[in-house]
Amino acid sequence: MTTRAQHPAPADAAERKAVRPVICYPPETLPPFDAAFYDAARAGMTQIDAVTVPPRDAATFFVPAGHFFRIAITDGPQVGDLNLWNAADLSERFFSGKTRALHGTHVTTGDRLWSNLPYLRPMATITRDTLDWYGWDADGAGVHDVIGTRCDPYTNHLLNGEDYDRCCHSNLIRALAESRNMTPEEAERHVHDVLNVFMCTGFTQDTQQYFMKASPARPGDFIEFFAEIDLLAALSACPGGDCGSEHSSDAAACYPLRAEIYQPASGTLREWQPPVRNGYTGGHGLR
């Protein structure tokens, strides 16, 4: 909100503003993060595949349920935009809004990436984050956000009056279309709000506007996930590079990203089962 108030404050304005905030979705009843389970599963894991995502482009990769995958910085600080789908049913996809409501504006080790309604189950669990030390800085910024939707050519044209085809939205469309033999129009319907991997963001304290600053990620940093279901992932190396100045252009220095898939040692997941879809019966008051 940037518009100046047009109405006088009521006599009890201070009292209204002093009302105690309440957490919308208390996390205490969510399934707990079992660090010992994931640590045991990742002990002795072996890399079975890797995909390099070129700068200002995107790529897809498949992660079987019960496997780990990492997104890693290789050459220089670089933001990535991540989409996830159920590999067997693209209608089930990552739900950034509900992930934000359940875990907060930025995610790290122990948080889950949840799927959309009506499925609403964990798609992936974050098991390692080499940037977990960052926390919150003096500007109120954190890393790995589920606030921003992704840079896209429509907003760019709205604000700048120019066409730019290497926004993350377009990159993800091209990657999914190639992976699933779709037309761009078909693929675009499946591209959704992202996890902004390595992106450092927050809201300004005066106007509460979304801001970005240079990512603190450096070569060797990674974020690691456990695939709770079979996943098709698409990752875009953002044209904004470290997003310290601008995006949706060719001006920023950009670097590749690397996605690595790991298989746990045999026998470590004997008792594990993928999560089932949400248990709501679906009546919606109509039956």
C-alpha atoms as a PDB file:
ATOM      1  CA  MET A   1       0.000   0.000   0.000  1.00  0.00           C
ATOM      2  CA  THR A   2       1.554   3.274  -1.151  1.00  0.00           C
ATOM      3  CA  THR A   3      -1.548   5.492  -1.339  1.00  0.00           C
ATOM      4  CA  ARG A   4      -1.827   8.148   1.350  1.00  0.00           C
ATOM      5  CA  ALA A   5      -4.789   7.735   3.672  1.00  0.00           C
ATOM      6  CA  GLN A   6      -7.829   9.736   2.586  1.00  0.00           C
ATOM      7  CA  HIS A   7      -9.835   9.219   5.765  1.00  0.00           C
ATOM      8  CA  PRO A   8      -9.146  10.374   9.314  1.00  0.00           C
ATOM      9  CA  ALA A   9      -8.232   7.767  11.890  1.00  0.00           C
ATOM     10  CA  PRO A  10     -11.088   6.857  14.247  1.00  0.00           C
ATOM     11  CA  ALA A  11     -10.811   7.572  17.940  1.00  0.00           C
ATOM     12  CA  ASP A  12      -9.974   3.939  18.707  1.00  0.00           C
ATOM     13  CA  ALA A  13      -7.386   3.548  15.910  1.00  0.00           C
ATOM     14  CA  ALA A  14      -4.552   2.773  18.305  1.00  0.00           C
ATOM     15  CA  GLU A  15      -6.645   0.133  20.049  1.00  0.00           C
ATOM     16  CA  ARG A  16      -7.552  -1.520  16.737  1.00  0.00           C
ATOM     17  CA  LYS A  17      -3.913  -1.626  15.648  1.00  0.00           C
ATOM     18  CA  ALA A  18      -2.789  -3.074  18.980  1.00  0.00           C
ATOM     19  CA  VAL A  19      -4.740  -6.299  18.490  1.00  0.00           C
ATOM     20  CA  ARG A  20      -2.465  -9.298  18.966  1.00  0.00           C
ATOM     21  CA  PRO A  21      -1.510 -11.109  15.732  1.00  0.00           C
ATOM     22  CA  VAL A  22      -2.397 -14.783  15.374  1.00  0.00           C
ATOM     23  CA  ILE A  23      -0.495 -17.310  13.247  1.00  0.00           C
ATOM     24  CA  CYS A  24      -2.872 -18.324  10.453  1.00  0.00           C
ATOM     25  CA  TYR A  25      -1.633 -21.902  10.133  1.00  0.00           C
ATOM     26  CA  PRO A  26       0.061 -23.138  13.327  1.00  0.00           C
ATOM     27  CA  PRO A  27       2.665 -25.672  12.198  1.00  0.00           C
ATOM     28  CA  GLU A  28       2.629 -27.818  15.338  1.00  0.00           C
ATOM     29  CA  THR A  29       0.255 -30.390  13.834  1.00  0.00           C
ATOM     30  CA  LEU A  30       2.206 -30.802  10.592  1.00  0.00           C
ATOM     31  CA  PRO A  31       4.176 -34.047  10.283  1.00  0.00           C
ATOM     32  CA  PRO A  32       7.477 -33.330  12.061  1.00  0.00           C
ATOM     33  CA  PHE A  33      10.759 -33.125  10.178  1.00  0.00           C
ATOM     34  CA  ASP A  34      12.547 -36.380  10.969  1.00  0.00           C
ATOM     35  CA  ALA A  35      16.169 -35.297  10.601  1.00  0.00           C
ATOM     36  CA  ALA A  36      17.477 -38.703  11.683  1.00  0.00           C
ATOM     37  CA  PHE A  37      15.488 -40.450   8.939  1.00  0.00           C
ATOM     38  CA  TYR A  38      16.757 -38.157   6.180  1.00  0.00           C
ATOM     39  CA  ASP A  39      20.310 -38.250   7.509  1.00  0.00           C
ATOM     40  CA  ALA A  40      20.248 -42.051   7.447  1.00  0.00           C
ATOM     41  CA  ALA A  41      18.811 -42.054   3.930  1.00  0.00           C
ATOM     42  CA  ARG A  42      21.443 -39.674   2.580  1.00  0.00           C
ATOM     43  CA  ALA A  43      24.361 -41.477   4.221  1.00  0.00           C
ATOM     44  CA  GLY A  44      26.119 -43.393   1.465  1.00  0.00           C
ATOM     45  CA  MET A  45      23.926 -41.973  -1.295  1.00  0.00           C
ATOM     46  CA  THR A  46      25.363 -41.998  -4.808  1.00  0.00           C
ATOM     47  CA  GLN A  47      24.924 -39.518  -7.636  1.00  0.00           C
ATOM     48  CA  ILE A  48      23.073 -41.079 -10.577  1.00  0.00           C
ATOM     49  CA  ASP A  49      22.424 -38.091 -12.840  1.00  0.00           C
ATOM     50  CA  ALA A  50      23.189 -34.417 -13.323  1.00  0.00           C
ATOM     51  CA  VAL A  51      21.836 -31.642 -15.521  1.00  0.00           C
ATOM     52  CA  THR A  52      23.516 -28.308 -16.258  1.00  0.00           C
ATOM     53  CA  VAL A  53      21.138 -25.395 -16.810  1.00  0.00           C
ATOM     54  CA  PRO A  54      22.678 -22.776 -19.119  1.00  0.00           C
ATOM     55  CA  PRO A  55      22.445 -19.067 -18.232  1.00  0.00           C
ATOM     56  CA  ARG A  56      19.130 -17.444 -19.242  1.00  0.00           C
ATOM     57  CA  ASP A  57      17.684 -20.853 -20.080  1.00  0.00           C
ATOM     58  CA  ALA A  58      15.939 -23.759 -18.361  1.00  0.00           C
ATOM     59  CA  ALA A  59      16.070 -27.542 -18.245  1.00  0.00           C
ATOM     60  CA  THR A  60      13.923 -30.339 -16.866  1.00  0.00           C
ATOM     61  CA  PHE A  61      14.949 -33.393 -14.875  1.00  0.00           C
ATOM     62  CA  PHE A  62      13.192 -36.381 -13.325  1.00  0.00           C
ATOM     63  CA  VAL A  63      13.597 -37.352  -9.674  1.00  0.00           C
ATOM     64  CA  PRO A  64      12.158 -40.707  -8.536  1.00  0.00           C
ATOM     65  CA  ALA A  65      10.335 -40.777  -5.216  1.00  0.00           C
ATOM     66  CA  GLY A  66      12.736 -41.582  -2.408  1.00  0.00           C
ATOM     67  CA  HIS A  67      15.714 -39.921  -4.099  1.00  0.00           C
ATOM     68  CA  PHE A  68      17.520 -36.684  -3.311  1.00  0.00           C
ATOM     69  CA  PHE A  69      18.273 -33.808  -5.628  1.00  0.00           C
ATOM     70  CA  ARG A  70      20.484 -30.773  -5.252  1.00  0.00           C
ATOM     71  CA  ILE A  71      20.554 -27.416  -6.962  1.00  0.00           C
ATOM     72  CA  ALA A  72      24.132 -26.172  -6.867  1.00  0.00           C
ATOM     73  CA  ILE A  73      26.088 -23.018  -7.613  1.00  0.00           C
ATOM     74  CA  THR A  74      29.009 -23.843  -9.906  1.00  0.00           C
ATOM     75  CA  ASP A  75      30.612 -20.760 -11.452  1.00  0.00           C
ATOM     76  CA  GLY A  76      29.168 -17.684  -9.753  1.00  0.00           C
ATOM     77  CA  PRO A  77      26.178 -16.325  -7.802  1.00  0.00           C
ATOM     78  CA  GLN A  78      23.003 -17.204  -9.654  1.00  0.00           C
ATOM     79  CA  VAL A  79      19.291 -17.280  -8.838  1.00  0.00           C
ATOM     80  CA  GLY A  80      17.167 -20.204 -10.032  1.00  0.00           C
ATOM     81  CA  ASP A  81      13.400 -20.480 -10.522  1.00  0.00           C
ATOM     82  CA  LEU A  82      12.082 -23.971  -9.712  1.00  0.00           C
ATOM     83  CA  ASN A  83       8.845 -25.621 -10.822  1.00  0.00           C
ATOM     84  CA  LEU A  84       7.775 -29.079  -9.622  1.00  0.00           C
ATOM     85  CA  TRP A  85       5.096 -31.419 -10.917  1.00  0.00           C
ATOM     86  CA  ASN A  86       3.886 -34.894 -10.113  1.00  0.00           C
ATOM     87  CA  ALA A  87       5.687 -36.719 -12.926  1.00  0.00           C
ATOM     88  CA  ALA A  88       2.618 -38.868 -13.611  1.00  0.00           C
ATOM     89  CA  ASP A  89       0.044 -36.056 -13.441  1.00  0.00           C
ATOM     90  CA  LEU A  90       0.988 -32.455 -14.264  1.00  0.00           C
ATOM     91  CA  SER A  91      -2.226 -31.177 -12.684  1.00  0.00           C
ATOM     92  CA  GLU A  92      -0.528 -31.736  -9.323  1.00  0.00           C
ATOM     93  CA  ARG A  93       2.141 -29.085  -8.968  1.00  0.00           C
ATOM     94  CA  PHE A  94       4.038 -26.991  -6.451  1.00  0.00           C
ATOM     95  CA  PHE A  95       1.823 -24.572  -4.488  1.00  0.00           C
ATOM     96  CA  SER A  96       4.063 -21.676  -3.448  1.00  0.00           C
ATOM     97  CA  GLY A  97       1.234 -19.763  -1.771  1.00  0.00           C
ATOM     98  CA  LYS A  98       0.333 -22.564   0.640  1.00  0.00           C
ATOM     99  CA  THR A  99       4.010 -23.370   1.220  1.00  0.00           C
ATOM    100  CA  ARG A 100       4.452 -19.720   2.200  1.00  0.00           C
ATOM    101  CA  ALA A 101       1.395 -19.829   4.481  1.00  0.00           C
ATOM    102  CA  LEU A 102       2.608 -22.988   6.227  1.00  0.00           C
ATOM    103  CA  HIS A 103       6.335 -22.276   6.527  1.00  0.00           C
ATOM    104  CA  GLY A 104       6.926 -18.565   5.885  1.00  0.00           C
ATOM    105  CA  THR A 105       8.161 -16.284   3.125  1.00  0.00           C
ATOM    106  CA  HIS A 106      11.502 -18.116   2.799  1.00  0.00           C
ATOM    107  CA  VAL A 107      12.252 -21.820   3.204  1.00  0.00           C
ATOM    108  CA  THR A 108      15.182 -23.843   4.473  1.00  0.00           C
ATOM    109  CA  THR A 109      16.090 -27.217   5.985  1.00  0.00           C
ATOM    110  CA  GLY A 110      13.069 -29.021   7.417  1.00  0.00           C
ATOM    111  CA  ASP A 111      10.509 -27.134   5.339  1.00  0.00           C
ATOM    112  CA  ARG A 112       8.432 -28.881   2.703  1.00  0.00           C
ATOM    113  CA  LEU A 113       7.261 -27.900  -0.753  1.00  0.00           C
ATOM    114  CA  TRP A 114       3.517 -28.597  -0.860  1.00  0.00           C
ATOM    115  CA  SER A 115       1.337 -29.427  -3.848  1.00  0.00           C
ATOM    116  CA  ASN A 116      -1.788 -27.589  -4.947  1.00  0.00           C
ATOM    117  CA  LEU A 117      -5.395 -28.334  -4.043  1.00  0.00           C
ATOM    118  CA  PRO A 118      -6.989 -30.861  -3.906  1.00  0.00           C
ATOM    119  CA  TYR A 119      -3.795 -32.901  -3.459  1.00  0.00           C
ATOM    120  CA  LEU A 120      -2.046 -30.804  -0.770  1.00  0.00           C
ATOM    121  CA  ARG A 121       0.726 -33.166   0.231  1.00  0.00           C
ATOM    122  CA  PRO A 122       4.503 -32.805   0.502  1.00  0.00           C
ATOM    123  CA  MET A 123       6.192 -33.011  -2.885  1.00  0.00           C
ATOM    124  CA  ALA A 124       9.707 -32.489  -1.549  1.00  0.00           C
ATOM    125  CA  THR A 125      11.421 -31.866   1.776  1.00  0.00           C
ATOM    126  CA  ILE A 126      14.475 -29.621   2.142  1.00  0.00           C
ATOM    127  CA  THR A 127      17.216 -31.702   3.762  1.00  0.00           C
ATOM    128  CA  ARG A 128      20.285 -29.450   3.437  1.00  0.00           C
ATOM    129  CA  ASP A 129      20.830 -25.745   2.812  1.00  0.00           C
ATOM    130  CA  THR A 130      24.364 -24.340   2.860  1.00  0.00           C
ATOM    131  CA  LEU A 131      22.875 -20.834   3.155  1.00  0.00           C
ATOM    132  CA  ASP A 132      20.918 -21.584   6.327  1.00  0.00           C
ATOM    133  CA  TRP A 133      23.381 -19.332   8.170  1.00  0.00           C
ATOM    134  CA  TYR A 134      21.979 -16.260   6.424  1.00  0.00           C
ATOM    135  CA  GLY A 135      18.715 -16.033   8.362  1.00  0.00           C
ATOM    136  CA  TRP A 136      17.381 -12.480   8.197  1.00  0.00           C
ATOM    137  CA  ASP A 137      19.582  -9.482   7.451  1.00  0.00           C
ATOM    138  CA  ALA A 138      19.248  -5.855   8.511  1.00  0.00           C
ATOM    139  CA  ASP A 139      16.963  -5.126   5.558  1.00  0.00           C
ATOM    140  CA  GLY A 140      14.624  -7.963   6.544  1.00  0.00           C
ATOM    141  CA  ALA A 141      15.746 -10.114   3.620  1.00  0.00           C
ATOM    142  CA  GLY A 142      16.148 -13.878   3.555  1.00  0.00           C
ATOM    143  CA  VAL A 143      17.157 -16.511   0.993  1.00  0.00           C
ATOM    144  CA  HIS A 144      15.087 -19.048  -1.034  1.00  0.00           C
ATOM    145  CA  ASP A 145      11.808 -17.165  -1.297  1.00  0.00           C
ATOM    146  CA  VAL A 146       8.273 -18.258  -2.046  1.00  0.00           C
ATOM    147  CA  ILE A 147       7.099 -14.653  -2.461  1.00  0.00           C
ATOM    148  CA  GLY A 148       7.977 -13.717  -6.031  1.00  0.00           C
ATOM    149  CA  THR A 149       6.107 -15.505  -8.785  1.00  0.00           C
ATOM    150  CA  ARG A 150       8.923 -15.522 -11.435  1.00  0.00           C
ATOM    151  CA  CYS A 151      10.047 -12.898 -13.938  1.00  0.00           C
ATOM    152  CA  ASP A 152       7.801 -12.994 -16.988  1.00  0.00           C
ATOM    153  CA  PRO A 153       7.536 -11.257 -20.379  1.00  0.00           C
ATOM    154  CA  TYR A 154       4.045  -9.910 -19.723  1.00  0.00           C
ATOM    155  CA  THR A 155       5.011  -7.882 -16.658  1.00  0.00           C
ATOM    156  CA  ASN A 156       8.177  -6.795 -18.421  1.00  0.00           C
ATOM    157  CA  HIS A 157       6.161  -5.516 -21.372  1.00  0.00           C
ATOM    158  CA  LEU A 158       3.684  -3.836 -19.018  1.00  0.00           C
ATOM    159  CA  LEU A 159       6.445  -1.935 -17.228  1.00  0.00           C
ATOM    160  CA  ASN A 160       8.958  -1.380 -20.053  1.00  0.00           C
ATOM    161  CA  GLY A 161       6.993  -1.720 -23.286  1.00  0.00           C
ATOM    162  CA  GLU A 162       9.516  -4.247 -24.645  1.00  0.00           C
ATOM    163  CA  ASP A 163       9.489  -7.902 -25.596  1.00  0.00           C
ATOM    164  CA  TYR A 164      12.035 -10.116 -23.833  1.00  0.00           C
ATOM    165  CA  ASP A 165      11.962 -13.879 -24.380  1.00  0.00           C
ATOM    166  CA  ARG A 166      14.448 -15.099 -21.756  1.00  0.00           C
ATOM    167  CA  CYS A 167      12.413 -14.408 -18.632  1.00  0.00           C
ATOM    168  CA  CYS A 168      12.103 -17.384 -16.294  1.00  0.00           C
ATOM    169  CA  HIS A 169       8.453 -17.861 -17.270  1.00  0.00           C
ATOM    170  CA  SER A 170       9.415 -18.274 -20.923  1.00  0.00           C
ATOM    171  CA  ASN A 171      12.447 -20.408 -20.067  1.00  0.00           C
ATOM    172  CA  LEU A 172      10.262 -22.803 -18.086  1.00  0.00           C
ATOM    173  CA  ILE A 173       7.732 -22.969 -20.930  1.00  0.00           C
ATOM    174  CA  ARG A 174      10.405 -23.927 -23.450  1.00  0.00           C
ATOM    175  CA  ALA A 175      11.882 -26.578 -21.159  1.00  0.00           C
ATOM    176  CA  LEU A 176       8.531 -28.185 -20.335  1.00  0.00           C
ATOM    177  CA  ALA A 177       7.348 -28.049 -23.952  1.00  0.00           C
ATOM    178  CA  GLU A 178      10.487 -29.852 -25.111  1.00  0.00           C
ATOM    179  CA  SER A 179      10.351 -32.392 -22.283  1.00  0.00           C
ATOM    180  CA  ARG A 180       6.699 -33.337 -22.802  1.00  0.00           C
ATOM    181  CA  ASN A 181       6.387 -32.705 -26.548  1.00  0.00           C
ATOM    182  CA  MET A 182       3.892 -29.900 -25.992  1.00  0.00           C
ATOM    183  CA  THR A 183       3.181 -26.701 -27.827  1.00  0.00           C
ATOM    184  CA  PRO A 184       4.245 -23.550 -25.968  1.00  0.00           C
ATOM    185  CA  GLU A 185       0.566 -22.755 -25.396  1.00  0.00           C
ATOM    186  CA  GLU A 186      -0.005 -26.161 -23.780  1.00  0.00           C
ATOM    187  CA  ALA A 187       3.105 -25.900 -21.647  1.00  0.00           C
ATOM    188  CA  GLU A 188       2.303 -22.393 -20.436  1.00  0.00           C
ATOM    189  CA  ARG A 189      -0.853 -23.653 -18.701  1.00  0.00           C
ATOM    190  CA  HIS A 190       1.327 -25.837 -16.468  1.00  0.00           C
ATOM    191  CA  VAL A 191       4.020 -23.314 -15.543  1.00  0.00           C
ATOM    192  CA  HIS A 192       3.352 -21.968 -12.061  1.00  0.00           C
ATOM    193  CA  ASP A 193       4.663 -19.798  -9.248  1.00  0.00           C
ATOM    194  CA  VAL A 194       8.164 -20.851  -8.319  1.00  0.00           C
ATOM    195  CA  LEU A 195      10.565 -21.422  -5.498  1.00  0.00           C
ATOM    196  CA  ASN A 196      13.170 -18.694  -6.016  1.00  0.00           C
ATOM    197  CA  VAL A 197      16.276 -20.700  -5.205  1.00  0.00           C
ATOM    198  CA  PHE A 198      19.231 -18.628  -3.889  1.00  0.00           C
ATOM    199  CA  MET A 199      17.242 -15.401  -4.324  1.00  0.00           C
ATOM    200  CA  CYS A 200      17.611 -12.848  -1.504  1.00  0.00           C
ATOM    201  CA  THR A 201      14.406 -10.890  -1.011  1.00  0.00           C
ATOM    202  CA  GLY A 202      12.101  -9.190   1.451  1.00  0.00           C
ATOM    203  CA  PHE A 203       9.651  -6.324   1.854  1.00  0.00           C
ATOM    204  CA  THR A 204      10.673  -2.715   2.380  1.00  0.00           C
ATOM    205  CA  GLN A 205       9.898  -1.493   5.876  1.00  0.00           C
ATOM    206  CA  ASP A 206       8.292   1.776   4.782  1.00  0.00           C
ATOM    207  CA  THR A 207       6.088   0.759   1.818  1.00  0.00           C
ATOM    208  CA  GLN A 208       6.123  -3.045   2.204  1.00  0.00           C
ATOM    209  CA  GLN A 209       7.175  -3.438  -1.433  1.00  0.00           C
ATOM    210  CA  TYR A 210       8.877  -6.588  -2.638  1.00  0.00           C
ATOM    211  CA  PHE A 211      12.614  -6.058  -3.081  1.00  0.00           C
ATOM    212  CA  MET A 212      15.620  -8.120  -4.139  1.00  0.00           C
ATOM    213  CA  LYS A 213      19.319  -7.818  -3.411  1.00  0.00           C
ATOM    214  CA  ALA A 214      22.439  -9.623  -4.588  1.00  0.00           C
ATOM    215  CA  SER A 215      22.332 -13.316  -3.703  1.00  0.00           C
ATOM    216  CA  PRO A 216      24.875 -14.402  -1.069  1.00  0.00           C
ATOM    217  CA  ALA A 217      25.315 -17.775  -2.844  1.00  0.00           C
ATOM    218  CA  ARG A 218      28.803 -18.672  -4.008  1.00  0.00           C
ATOM    219  CA  PRO A 219      30.347 -21.638  -5.864  1.00  0.00           C
ATOM    220  CA  GLY A 220      29.967 -24.728  -3.695  1.00  0.00           C
ATOM    221  CA  ASP A 221      26.642 -23.662  -2.182  1.00  0.00           C
ATOM    222  CA  PHE A 222      23.634 -25.906  -2.698  1.00  0.00           C
ATOM    223  CA  ILE A 223      20.125 -26.625  -1.502  1.00  0.00           C
ATOM    224  CA  GLU A 224      19.124 -30.287  -1.259  1.00  0.00           C
ATOM    225  CA  PHE A 225      15.680 -31.890  -1.385  1.00  0.00           C
ATOM    226  CA  PHE A 226      14.183 -35.324  -0.787  1.00  0.00           C
ATOM    227  CA  ALA A 227      11.585 -36.242  -3.422  1.00  0.00           C
ATOM    228  CA  GLU A 228       8.491 -37.430  -1.563  1.00  0.00           C
ATOM    229  CA  ILE A 229       6.779 -38.418  -4.843  1.00  0.00           C
ATOM    230  CA  ASP A 230       7.973 -38.955  -8.426  1.00  0.00           C
ATOM    231  CA  LEU A 231       8.866 -35.474  -9.611  1.00  0.00           C
ATOM    232  CA  LEU A 232       9.315 -33.701 -12.891  1.00  0.00           C
ATOM    233  CA  ALA A 233      11.312 -30.553 -12.154  1.00  0.00           C
ATOM    234  CA  ALA A 234      12.084 -27.550 -14.322  1.00  0.00           C
ATOM    235  CA  LEU A 235      14.785 -25.096 -13.341  1.00  0.00           C
ATOM    236  CA  SER A 236      15.488 -21.713 -14.933  1.00  0.00           C
ATOM    237  CA  ALA A 237      18.767 -19.833 -14.512  1.00  0.00           C
ATOM    238  CA  CYS A 238      17.294 -16.362 -14.058  1.00  0.00           C
ATOM    239  CA  PRO A 239      18.381 -13.659 -16.529  1.00  0.00           C
ATOM    240  CA  GLY A 240      18.901 -11.414 -13.505  1.00  0.00           C
ATOM    241  CA  GLY A 241      21.947 -13.443 -12.436  1.00  0.00           C
ATOM    242  CA  ASP A 242      22.345 -12.794  -8.716  1.00  0.00           C
ATOM    243  CA  CYS A 243      19.340 -10.397  -8.935  1.00  0.00           C
ATOM    244  CA  GLY A 244      21.354  -7.588  -7.379  1.00  0.00           C
ATOM    245  CA  SER A 245      20.405  -4.987  -9.968  1.00  0.00           C
ATOM    246  CA  GLU A 246      17.728  -6.012 -12.475  1.00  0.00           C
ATOM    247  CA  HIS A 247      16.151  -8.929 -14.264  1.00  0.00           C
ATOM    248  CA  SER A 248      14.329  -9.524 -17.560  1.00  0.00           C
ATOM    249  CA  SER A 249      17.271  -8.317 -19.620  1.00  0.00           C
ATOM    250  CA  ASP A 250      20.697  -9.387 -20.874  1.00  0.00           C
ATOM    251  CA  ALA A 251      22.522  -6.819 -18.717  1.00  0.00           C
ATOM    252  CA  ALA A 252      23.351  -8.903 -15.633  1.00  0.00           C
ATOM    253  CA  ALA A 253      26.197 -11.395 -15.353  1.00  0.00           C
ATOM    254  CA  CYS A 254      24.651 -14.867 -15.466  1.00  0.00           C
ATOM    255  CA  TYR A 255      26.029 -18.309 -14.654  1.00  0.00           C
ATOM    256  CA  PRO A 256      24.873 -21.894 -15.106  1.00  0.00           C
ATOM    257  CA  LEU A 257      23.188 -23.918 -12.382  1.00  0.00           C
ATOM    258  CA  ARG A 258      23.631 -27.637 -11.787  1.00  0.00           C
ATOM    259  CA  ALA A 259      20.944 -30.106 -10.726  1.00  0.00           C
ATOM    260  CA  GLU A 260      22.212 -33.385  -9.257  1.00  0.00           C
ATOM    261  CA  ILE A 261      20.133 -36.492  -8.486  1.00  0.00           C
ATOM    262  CA  TYR A 262      21.206 -38.921  -5.779  1.00  0.00           C
ATOM    263  CA  GLN A 263      20.060 -42.448  -4.926  1.00  0.00           C
ATOM    264  CA  PRO A 264      20.071 -43.540  -1.261  1.00  0.00           C
ATOM    265  CA  ALA A 265      21.973 -46.668  -0.280  1.00  0.00           C
ATOM    266  CA  SER A 266      20.038 -49.891  -0.692  1.00  0.00           C
ATOM    267  CA  GLY A 267      17.747 -50.731   2.205  1.00  0.00           C
ATOM    268  CA  THR A 268      17.690 -47.306   3.844  1.00  0.00           C
ATOM    269  CA  LEU A 269      14.055 -46.627   2.868  1.00  0.00           C
ATOM    270  CA  ARG A 270      12.490 -49.991   3.721  1.00  0.00           C
ATOM    271  CA  GLU A 271       9.865 -48.478   6.050  1.00  0.00           C
ATOM    272  CA  TRP A 272       9.183 -45.368   3.973  1.00  0.00           C
ATOM    273  CA  GLN A 273       6.097 -44.749   1.840  1.00  0.00           C
ATOM    274  CA  PRO A 274       5.272 -41.717  -0.333  1.00  0.00           C
ATOM    275  CA  PRO A 275       2.649 -39.433   1.246  1.00  0.00           C
ATOM    276  CA  VAL A 276      -0.925 -39.945   0.098  1.00  0.00           C
ATOM    277  CA  ARG A 277      -3.003 -37.088  -1.243  1.00  0.00           C
ATOM    278  CA  ASN A 278      -4.963 -34.949   1.199  1.00  0.00           C
ATOM    279  CA  GLY A 279      -7.655 -36.788   3.130  1.00  0.00           C
ATOM    280  CA  TYR A 280     -10.472 -34.257   2.713  1.00  0.00           C
ATOM    281  CA  THR A 281     -13.505 -36.112   1.343  1.00  0.00           C
ATOM    282  CA  GLY A 282     -14.388 -33.369  -1.125  1.00  0.00           C
ATOM    283  CA  GLY A 283     -18.032 -32.732  -0.233  1.00  0.00           C
ATOM    284  CA  HIS A 284     -17.704 -28.907  -0.211  1.00  0.00           C
ATOM    285  CA  GLY A 285     -21.088 -28.754   1.517  1.00  0.00           C
ATOM    286  CA  LEU A 286     -22.849 -30.225  -1.521  1.00  0.00           C
ATOM    287  CA  ARG A 287     -23.392 -33.730  -0.184  1.00  0.00           C
END
